[in-house]
Amino acid sequence: MGGELDKVQIAKTYARWAPIYDLVFGPVFERGRKASIAAAERIGGRILEVGVGTGLSLPEYSWANRVIGIDLSAPMLRKAKARVAEHRLTNVDGLAVMDAQHLGFQDGIFDVVIAQYVITTVPNPEATLDEFARVLKPGGEIVLINHLSAEAGLRSSFEIWLAPLARRLGWRPEFRWERLAQWVARNGGVRVVERRAMPPLGQFALIRFSRLGCLARSPLATAAQAAR
C-alpha cells in the first residue's frame, strides 16, 4: 500500500521547495496549522512535530510545552533552526533530520505527536503511523492535519488524474479516509477522537487519534524496532 513515493526523491523535492515554502504554503495552510496546534495543546506536555519543515508553527506553541521537531529535509531544517534562533524559542528542545518511518526515540516518551500535511508525503503512511503510536504515551494523542481525497465524483477523478504529477512534487492526492480507518482497526490500541473538515473548501481534515494502551505492532514496525 505504501511504495508509491520514494524517500530520496521526497528529500530532493523538499530541498527545492525550501527557499519558497513559507511564501507559497504559509498562508494557504495557516488555519489548519493553527487548528492542529490548538488540538495538540489541549494535551500539552512533550510534543513531537513530524515534518516540521521550515518551522512555521514553532513560534505558535505555548512556552509551557517542550517541542522537538524532525524533518527529512536538511535545507528545510536549516530555515527552522534560523527561526528558532530569531524568536529565541527556548521551549524547542531540538531539531533533527529523521525519517518518520524510523523514529530515533524510545517507546512512549511523547504526550503528543503532530504531523501537519505529512501523512500523504511519506512512502508508507501505515508504518509511519505505527511509529507515531509507538513513541506516544498511553493517553497521548496523534494530531494530523491533511488532505483527504474525495470518495467519488469529479474531484475523485481529478485527484486520480493528478496523481502522477503530484508524486513528482512529493505528495499523493488520492488518499482516502478509509485508509486511516483501516489502520485504526488493525492497530487495536488507538481510537479516533475527532475528524473535522478544514479549509480551504473542506478538502483537508483535522484528525485526532488517542493512544489507549498496548499496540498491535505491524511486522514492519516490529522489524524497525529490532533494528534500533
Protein backbone atom coordinates (compact mmCIF):
# COMPACT_ATOMS: atom_id res chain seq x y z
CA MET A 1 0.00 0.00 0.00
CA GLY A 2 2.89 2.38 0.59
CA GLY A 3 5.54 2.13 -2.10
CA GLU A 4 4.33 4.88 -4.40
CA LEU A 5 6.72 7.55 -3.14
CA ASP A 6 10.49 7.35 -2.86
CA LYS A 7 12.23 8.76 0.22
CA VAL A 8 15.29 10.06 -1.67
CA GLN A 9 13.10 11.79 -4.22
CA ILE A 10 10.97 13.32 -1.47
CA ALA A 11 14.06 14.78 0.21
CA LYS A 12 15.24 16.27 -3.09
CA THR A 13 11.81 17.71 -3.80
CA TYR A 14 11.54 19.48 -0.46
CA ALA A 15 15.09 20.77 -0.74
CA ARG A 16 13.86 22.59 -3.84
CA TRP A 17 10.76 23.85 -2.00
CA ALA A 18 12.76 25.15 1.00
CA PRO A 19 13.59 28.67 -0.30
CA ILE A 20 9.96 29.47 -1.20
CA TYR A 21 7.96 27.17 1.07
CA ASP A 22 6.84 29.85 3.54
CA LEU A 23 5.70 32.18 0.79
CA VAL A 24 3.80 29.51 -1.18
CA PHE A 25 2.29 27.41 1.59
CA GLY A 26 2.34 29.61 4.71
CA PRO A 27 -0.93 31.48 4.08
CA VAL A 28 -2.72 28.50 2.49
CA PHE A 29 -2.08 26.19 5.43
CA GLU A 30 -2.32 28.77 8.22
CA ARG A 31 -5.80 27.87 9.53
CA GLY A 32 -5.05 24.16 9.54
CA ARG A 33 -1.71 24.77 11.21
CA LYS A 34 -3.27 26.84 13.99
CA ALA A 35 -6.10 24.33 14.49
CA SER A 36 -3.69 21.41 14.81
CA ILE A 37 -1.50 23.28 17.30
CA ALA A 38 -4.58 24.14 19.38
CA ALA A 39 -5.55 20.46 19.35
CA ALA A 40 -2.05 19.42 20.42
CA GLU A 41 -2.04 21.93 23.26
CA ARG A 42 -5.26 20.52 24.70
CA ILE A 43 -2.99 17.66 25.77
CA GLY A 44 0.27 19.60 26.02
CA GLY A 45 3.50 18.45 27.60
CA ARG A 46 6.21 16.95 25.43
CA ILE A 47 5.33 17.39 21.75
CA LEU A 48 6.97 15.83 18.69
CA GLU A 49 6.28 17.67 15.44
CA VAL A 50 6.98 15.39 12.49
CA GLY A 51 7.62 17.19 9.22
CA VAL A 52 8.42 20.44 11.00
CA GLY A 53 9.77 21.83 7.72
CA THR A 54 10.88 25.45 7.95
CA GLY A 55 9.45 25.72 11.47
CA LEU A 56 6.47 27.90 10.59
CA SER A 57 4.49 26.51 13.51
CA LEU A 58 7.22 26.65 16.16
CA PRO A 59 6.61 30.24 17.40
CA GLU A 60 2.93 29.40 17.90
CA TYR A 61 3.40 26.75 20.60
CA SER A 62 2.86 27.71 24.22
CA TRP A 63 6.09 28.20 26.14
CA ALA A 64 4.72 25.75 28.73
CA ASN A 65 5.27 22.89 26.27
CA ARG A 66 8.53 21.24 25.20
CA VAL A 67 8.81 20.70 21.45
CA ILE A 68 11.08 18.54 19.30
CA GLY A 69 10.88 18.83 15.51
CA ILE A 70 12.06 16.43 12.85
CA ASP A 71 12.11 16.52 9.07
CA LEU A 72 13.60 14.52 6.22
CA SER A 73 14.88 17.68 4.52
CA ALA A 74 18.08 19.26 5.84
CA PRO A 75 17.55 22.51 3.85
CA MET A 76 14.09 22.90 5.39
CA LEU A 77 15.51 22.31 8.88
CA ARG A 78 18.19 24.94 8.38
CA LYS A 79 15.42 27.50 7.98
CA ALA A 80 13.66 26.07 11.06
CA LYS A 81 16.84 26.45 13.13
CA ALA A 82 17.19 30.05 11.98
CA ARG A 83 13.59 30.69 13.05
CA VAL A 84 14.22 29.17 16.49
CA ALA A 85 17.23 31.44 16.94
CA GLU A 86 15.40 34.51 15.65
CA HIS A 87 12.46 34.05 18.02
CA ARG A 88 14.60 32.70 20.91
CA LEU A 89 12.38 29.66 21.24
CA THR A 90 13.87 28.10 24.35
CA ASN A 91 10.95 25.65 24.55
CA VAL A 92 12.22 23.92 21.37
CA ASP A 93 14.47 21.15 22.70
CA GLY A 94 15.84 20.05 19.35
CA LEU A 95 15.52 19.80 15.58
CA ALA A 96 16.85 16.79 13.68
CA VAL A 97 16.95 15.22 10.25
CA MET A 98 15.00 11.99 10.66
CA ASP A 99 12.85 9.55 8.70
CA ALA A 100 9.28 9.50 10.01
CA GLN A 101 9.09 5.73 9.36
CA HIS A 102 12.09 5.11 11.65
CA LEU A 103 11.88 7.50 14.58
CA GLY A 104 15.00 7.52 16.73
CA PHE A 105 13.12 7.78 20.03
CA GLN A 106 12.25 5.34 22.79
CA ASP A 107 8.74 3.98 23.20
CA GLY A 108 6.14 6.12 24.96
CA ILE A 109 8.04 9.35 25.60
CA PHE A 110 5.78 11.97 23.94
CA ASP A 111 2.43 13.33 25.05
CA VAL A 112 1.54 14.44 21.51
CA VAL A 113 2.76 13.63 18.01
CA ILE A 114 1.65 16.24 15.49
CA ALA A 115 2.06 15.96 11.72
CA GLN A 116 0.86 18.80 9.51
CA TYR A 117 0.36 17.93 5.83
CA VAL A 118 2.76 15.00 6.21
CA ILE A 119 0.97 11.67 6.01
CA THR A 120 0.41 11.89 2.24
CA THR A 121 4.08 12.69 1.63
CA VAL A 122 5.65 9.58 3.18
CA PRO A 123 6.32 6.31 1.32
CA ASN A 124 4.38 4.16 3.81
CA PRO A 125 1.70 6.03 5.79
CA GLU A 126 0.75 2.97 7.86
CA ALA A 127 4.33 2.31 9.01
CA THR A 128 4.69 6.00 9.80
CA LEU A 129 1.53 5.98 11.93
CA ASP A 130 2.82 2.85 13.69
CA GLU A 131 5.89 4.84 14.69
CA PHE A 132 3.80 7.78 15.87
CA ALA A 133 1.81 5.45 18.11
CA ARG A 134 4.94 3.70 19.37
CA VAL A 135 6.60 6.86 20.71
CA LEU A 136 3.35 8.12 22.25
CA LYS A 137 2.44 7.69 25.91
CA PRO A 138 -0.85 5.93 26.74
CA GLY A 139 -3.45 8.68 26.85
CA GLY A 140 -1.46 10.79 24.41
CA GLU A 141 -2.68 11.88 21.01
CA ILE A 142 -1.65 11.85 17.37
CA VAL A 143 -2.82 15.04 15.66
CA LEU A 144 -2.93 15.13 11.86
CA ILE A 145 -3.94 17.89 9.52
CA ASN A 146 -4.03 16.59 5.99
CA HIS A 147 -5.72 16.42 2.62
CA LEU A 148 -8.25 13.60 2.29
CA SER A 149 -9.39 12.67 -1.19
CA ALA A 150 -12.99 12.52 -2.31
CA GLU A 151 -14.70 9.13 -2.22
CA ALA A 152 -16.33 9.59 -5.63
CA GLY A 153 -17.35 12.18 -8.21
CA LEU A 154 -15.49 14.74 -10.24
CA ARG A 155 -12.95 15.65 -7.54
CA SER A 156 -12.06 11.99 -7.06
CA SER A 157 -11.47 11.59 -10.79
CA PHE A 158 -9.34 14.75 -10.87
CA GLU A 159 -7.22 13.55 -7.93
CA ILE A 160 -6.54 10.24 -9.65
CA TRP A 161 -5.63 12.07 -12.86
CA LEU A 162 -3.34 14.43 -10.90
CA ALA A 163 -1.54 11.64 -9.03
CA PRO A 164 1.48 11.11 -11.38
CA LEU A 165 2.33 14.82 -11.38
CA ALA A 166 1.72 15.17 -7.63
CA ARG A 167 4.16 12.34 -6.89
CA ARG A 168 6.87 14.25 -8.73
CA LEU A 169 6.07 17.21 -6.46
CA GLY A 170 6.37 14.99 -3.37
CA TRP A 171 2.83 14.04 -2.31
CA ARG A 172 -0.14 11.80 -3.17
CA PRO A 173 -3.54 13.45 -3.77
CA GLU A 174 -5.63 10.24 -3.78
CA PHE A 175 -5.59 9.43 -0.05
CA ARG A 176 -8.95 8.41 1.39
CA TRP A 177 -10.21 8.36 4.96
CA GLU A 178 -10.74 4.60 4.59
CA ARG A 179 -7.00 4.07 4.68
CA LEU A 180 -6.72 5.69 8.11
CA ALA A 181 -9.82 3.86 9.38
CA GLN A 182 -8.28 0.53 8.35
CA TRP A 183 -5.06 1.40 10.17
CA VAL A 184 -7.04 2.09 13.36
CA ALA A 185 -8.93 -1.19 13.03
CA ARG A 186 -5.70 -3.17 12.63
CA ASN A 187 -3.84 -1.35 15.39
CA GLY A 188 -6.14 -2.08 18.31
CA GLY A 189 -4.52 0.36 20.75
CA VAL A 190 -5.66 3.56 19.05
CA ARG A 191 -9.07 5.18 18.64
CA VAL A 192 -10.35 8.11 16.61
CA VAL A 193 -11.14 11.11 18.81
CA GLU A 194 -12.04 13.69 16.19
CA ARG A 195 -12.36 14.14 12.43
CA ARG A 196 -13.19 17.66 11.30
CA ALA A 197 -13.25 19.21 7.82
CA MET A 198 -10.92 22.16 7.38
CA PRO A 199 -10.44 24.91 4.78
CA PRO A 200 -9.77 25.53 2.02
CA LEU A 201 -13.06 24.13 0.68
CA GLY A 202 -13.19 21.26 3.18
CA GLN A 203 -10.55 19.30 1.27
CA PHE A 204 -8.43 18.99 4.39
CA ALA A 205 -9.23 17.37 7.71
CA LEU A 206 -8.08 17.65 11.30
CA ILE A 207 -7.86 14.13 12.70
CA ARG A 208 -7.03 13.15 16.28
CA PHE A 209 -6.17 9.65 17.50
CA SER A 210 -5.80 8.69 21.16
CA ARG A 211 -3.32 6.03 22.30
CA LEU A 212 -5.18 3.60 24.56
CA GLY A 213 -2.65 1.05 25.71
CA CYS A 214 -0.95 -1.94 24.13
CA LEU A 215 -0.40 -1.70 20.39
CA ALA A 216 -0.74 -4.42 17.78
CA ARG A 217 2.60 -3.96 16.03
CA SER A 218 2.78 -4.50 12.28
CA PRO A 219 5.62 -6.76 11.03
CA LEU A 220 7.35 -3.68 9.55
CA ALA A 221 7.19 -1.78 12.85
CA THR A 222 8.49 -4.80 14.77
CA ALA A 223 11.44 -5.15 12.38
CA ALA A 224 12.21 -1.45 12.66
CA GLN A 225 12.24 -1.64 16.46
CA ALA A 226 14.54 -4.68 16.37
CA ALA A 227 16.98 -2.81 14.14
CA ARG A 228 17.48 0.03 16.66
